[in-house]
């Protein structure tokens, strides 16, 4: 990090990570986050009306993997999703999956 201008000394990019996308502090609303989010070293706010944090984190991780798979280096993707721990926050399309599986297995 020599010569790097540290804008946000506690943010991941200023602590040695090459890229970062996510919340800076704590849990938030999965559809309309109000806490500070960052993309690389810039503050960002989702503008997509269909934004769902778990989906977007997964999509971004896939992009990072695609990008770094072409380089002879190791990468770390830390995908900590809150949705499995707060299923009531999931979009309806995901909350319906267990019921659909039960119906297909004849358990509903």
C-alpha atoms as a PDB file:
ATOM      1  CA  UNK A   1       0.000   0.000   0.000  1.00  0.00           C
ATOM      2  CA  UNK A   2       3.019   2.286  -0.266  1.00  0.00           C
ATOM      3  CA  UNK A   3       2.094   5.565  -1.883  1.00  0.00           C
ATOM      4  CA  UNK A   4      -1.615   4.809  -1.606  1.00  0.00           C
ATOM      5  CA  UNK A   5      -3.796   7.642  -0.389  1.00  0.00           C
ATOM      6  CA  UNK A   6      -5.984   6.267   2.371  1.00  0.00           C
ATOM      7  CA  UNK A   7      -9.391   7.910   2.101  1.00  0.00           C
ATOM      8  CA  UNK A   8     -11.105   5.570   4.547  1.00  0.00           C
ATOM      9  CA  UNK A   9      -8.491   3.890   6.766  1.00  0.00           C
ATOM     10  CA  UNK A  10     -10.925   1.274   8.101  1.00  0.00           C
ATOM     11  CA  UNK A  11     -12.471   0.303   4.754  1.00  0.00           C
ATOM     12  CA  UNK A  12     -11.343  -2.968   3.135  1.00  0.00           C
ATOM     13  CA  UNK A  13      -9.613  -1.398   0.101  1.00  0.00           C
ATOM     14  CA  UNK A  14      -7.515   0.831   2.340  1.00  0.00           C
ATOM     15  CA  UNK A  15      -6.648  -2.189   4.476  1.00  0.00           C
ATOM     16  CA  UNK A  16      -5.032  -4.101   1.609  1.00  0.00           C
ATOM     17  CA  UNK A  17      -7.871  -5.677  -0.369  1.00  0.00           C
ATOM     18  CA  UNK A  18      -7.826  -4.995  -4.102  1.00  0.00           C
ATOM     19  CA  UNK A  19     -11.593  -4.901  -4.493  1.00  0.00           C
ATOM     20  CA  UNK A  20     -14.604  -4.695  -2.211  1.00  0.00           C
ATOM     21  CA  UNK A  21     -18.349  -4.523  -2.503  1.00  0.00           C
ATOM     22  CA  UNK A  22     -20.623  -4.566   0.510  1.00  0.00           C
ATOM     23  CA  UNK A  23     -21.768  -2.932   3.695  1.00  0.00           C
ATOM     24  CA  UNK A  24     -19.235  -0.997   5.699  1.00  0.00           C
ATOM     25  CA  UNK A  25     -20.896  -1.580   9.063  1.00  0.00           C
ATOM     26  CA  UNK A  26     -23.485  -4.067  10.219  1.00  0.00           C
ATOM     27  CA  UNK A  27     -26.689  -5.604   8.972  1.00  0.00           C
ATOM     28  CA  UNK A  28     -29.216  -3.666   6.932  1.00  0.00           C
ATOM     29  CA  UNK A  29     -32.450  -3.839   4.991  1.00  0.00           C
ATOM     30  CA  UNK A  30     -31.893  -6.303   2.124  1.00  0.00           C
ATOM     31  CA  UNK A  31     -34.102  -4.365  -0.280  1.00  0.00           C
ATOM     32  CA  UNK A  32     -33.379  -0.706   0.527  1.00  0.00           C
ATOM     33  CA  UNK A  33     -30.156  -0.433   2.512  1.00  0.00           C
ATOM     34  CA  UNK A  34     -29.756   2.679   4.610  1.00  0.00           C
ATOM     35  CA  UNK A  35     -26.310   1.947   6.047  1.00  0.00           C
ATOM     36  CA  UNK A  36     -23.211   2.910   4.133  1.00  0.00           C
ATOM     37  CA  UNK A  37     -22.234   0.591   1.285  1.00  0.00           C
ATOM     38  CA  UNK A  38     -18.997   0.689  -0.663  1.00  0.00           C
ATOM     39  CA  UNK A  39     -17.885  -0.367  -4.117  1.00  0.00           C
ATOM     40  CA  UNK A  40     -14.090  -0.466  -4.082  1.00  0.00           C
ATOM     41  CA  UNK A  41     -13.273   2.696  -2.104  1.00  0.00           C
ATOM     42  CA  UNK A  42     -16.311   4.792  -2.986  1.00  0.00           C
ATOM     43  CA  UNK A  43     -19.568   5.082  -1.139  1.00  0.00           C
ATOM     44  CA  UNK A  44     -22.481   3.738  -3.185  1.00  0.00           C
ATOM     45  CA  UNK A  45     -26.257   3.417  -3.010  1.00  0.00           C
ATOM     46  CA  UNK A  46     -28.322   0.872  -4.936  1.00  0.00           C
ATOM     47  CA  UNK A  47     -30.643   2.452  -7.494  1.00  0.00           C
ATOM     48  CA  UNK A  48     -32.250  -0.684  -8.970  1.00  0.00           C
ATOM     49  CA  UNK A  49     -35.875  -0.913  -7.731  1.00  0.00           C
ATOM     50  CA  UNK A  50     -35.527  -4.742  -7.712  1.00  0.00           C
ATOM     51  CA  UNK A  51     -32.365  -4.629  -5.573  1.00  0.00           C
ATOM     52  CA  UNK A  52     -31.981  -7.596  -3.210  1.00  0.00           C
ATOM     53  CA  UNK A  53     -28.699  -7.623  -1.333  1.00  0.00           C
ATOM     54  CA  UNK A  54     -28.113 -11.393  -1.291  1.00  0.00           C
ATOM     55  CA  UNK A  55     -28.569 -11.654  -5.070  1.00  0.00           C
ATOM     56  CA  UNK A  56     -26.328  -8.669  -5.762  1.00  0.00           C
ATOM     57  CA  UNK A  57     -23.562  -9.968  -3.469  1.00  0.00           C
ATOM     58  CA  UNK A  58     -23.675 -13.307  -5.292  1.00  0.00           C
ATOM     59  CA  UNK A  59     -23.599 -11.673  -8.733  1.00  0.00           C
ATOM     60  CA  UNK A  60     -20.647  -9.499  -7.748  1.00  0.00           C
ATOM     61  CA  UNK A  61     -18.769 -12.530  -6.368  1.00  0.00           C
ATOM     62  CA  UNK A  62     -19.253 -14.354  -9.680  1.00  0.00           C
ATOM     63  CA  UNK A  63     -17.855 -11.326 -11.557  1.00  0.00           C
ATOM     64  CA  UNK A  64     -14.821 -11.217  -9.259  1.00  0.00           C
ATOM     65  CA  UNK A  65     -14.229 -14.960  -9.771  1.00  0.00           C
ATOM     66  CA  UNK A  66     -14.500 -14.575 -13.558  1.00  0.00           C
ATOM     67  CA  UNK A  67     -12.065 -11.662 -13.505  1.00  0.00           C
ATOM     68  CA  UNK A  68      -9.493 -13.251 -11.213  1.00  0.00           C
ATOM     69  CA  UNK A  69      -9.690 -16.753 -12.723  1.00  0.00           C
ATOM     70  CA  UNK A  70      -7.737 -15.376 -15.685  1.00  0.00           C
ATOM     71  CA  UNK A  71      -4.836 -14.339 -13.415  1.00  0.00           C
ATOM     72  CA  UNK A  72      -2.247 -16.637 -11.826  1.00  0.00           C
ATOM     73  CA  UNK A  73      -3.108 -15.544  -8.274  1.00  0.00           C
ATOM     74  CA  UNK A  74      -5.192 -16.707  -5.351  1.00  0.00           C
ATOM     75  CA  UNK A  75      -8.337 -14.853  -4.375  1.00  0.00           C
ATOM     76  CA  UNK A  76     -10.510 -14.675  -1.289  1.00  0.00           C
ATOM     77  CA  UNK A  77     -14.246 -14.258  -1.675  1.00  0.00           C
ATOM     78  CA  UNK A  78     -15.964 -13.867   1.663  1.00  0.00           C
ATOM     79  CA  UNK A  79     -19.663 -14.135   1.003  1.00  0.00           C
ATOM     80  CA  UNK A  80     -21.494 -13.792   4.274  1.00  0.00           C
ATOM     81  CA  UNK A  81     -25.170 -13.619   3.476  1.00  0.00           C
ATOM     82  CA  UNK A  82     -27.676 -12.706   6.132  1.00  0.00           C
ATOM     83  CA  UNK A  83     -30.684 -14.112   4.278  1.00  0.00           C
ATOM     84  CA  UNK A  84     -30.315 -17.695   5.589  1.00  0.00           C
ATOM     85  CA  UNK A  85     -30.498 -16.291   9.095  1.00  0.00           C
ATOM     86  CA  UNK A  86     -33.423 -13.982   8.438  1.00  0.00           C
ATOM     87  CA  UNK A  87     -35.561 -15.855   5.943  1.00  0.00           C
ATOM     88  CA  UNK A  88     -38.481 -13.506   6.501  1.00  0.00           C
ATOM     89  CA  UNK A  89     -36.411 -10.848   4.721  1.00  0.00           C
ATOM     90  CA  UNK A  90     -36.173 -12.880   1.532  1.00  0.00           C
ATOM     91  CA  UNK A  91     -38.238 -11.953  -1.527  1.00  0.00           C
ATOM     92  CA  UNK A  92     -41.471 -13.883  -1.888  1.00  0.00           C
ATOM     93  CA  UNK A  93     -40.043 -15.892  -4.819  1.00  0.00           C
ATOM     94  CA  UNK A  94     -37.498 -17.434  -2.423  1.00  0.00           C
ATOM     95  CA  UNK A  95     -39.881 -17.916   0.493  1.00  0.00           C
ATOM     96  CA  UNK A  96     -42.127 -20.017  -1.757  1.00  0.00           C
ATOM     97  CA  UNK A  97     -39.385 -22.538  -2.629  1.00  0.00           C
ATOM     98  CA  UNK A  98     -39.787 -24.791   0.464  1.00  0.00           C
ATOM     99  CA  UNK A  99     -43.545 -25.032  -0.153  1.00  0.00           C
ATOM    100  CA  UNK A 100     -42.972 -25.844  -3.826  1.00  0.00           C
ATOM    101  CA  UNK A 101     -40.498 -28.590  -2.907  1.00  0.00           C
ATOM    102  CA  UNK A 102     -42.926 -30.034  -0.355  1.00  0.00           C
ATOM    103  CA  UNK A 103     -45.708 -30.093  -2.956  1.00  0.00           C
ATOM    104  CA  UNK A 104     -43.471 -31.900  -5.460  1.00  0.00           C
ATOM    105  CA  UNK A 105     -42.540 -34.470  -2.824  1.00  0.00           C
ATOM    106  CA  UNK A 106     -46.213 -34.942  -1.905  1.00  0.00           C
ATOM    107  CA  UNK A 107     -45.800 -33.553   1.611  1.00  0.00           C
ATOM    108  CA  UNK A 108     -48.050 -30.515   1.302  1.00  0.00           C
END
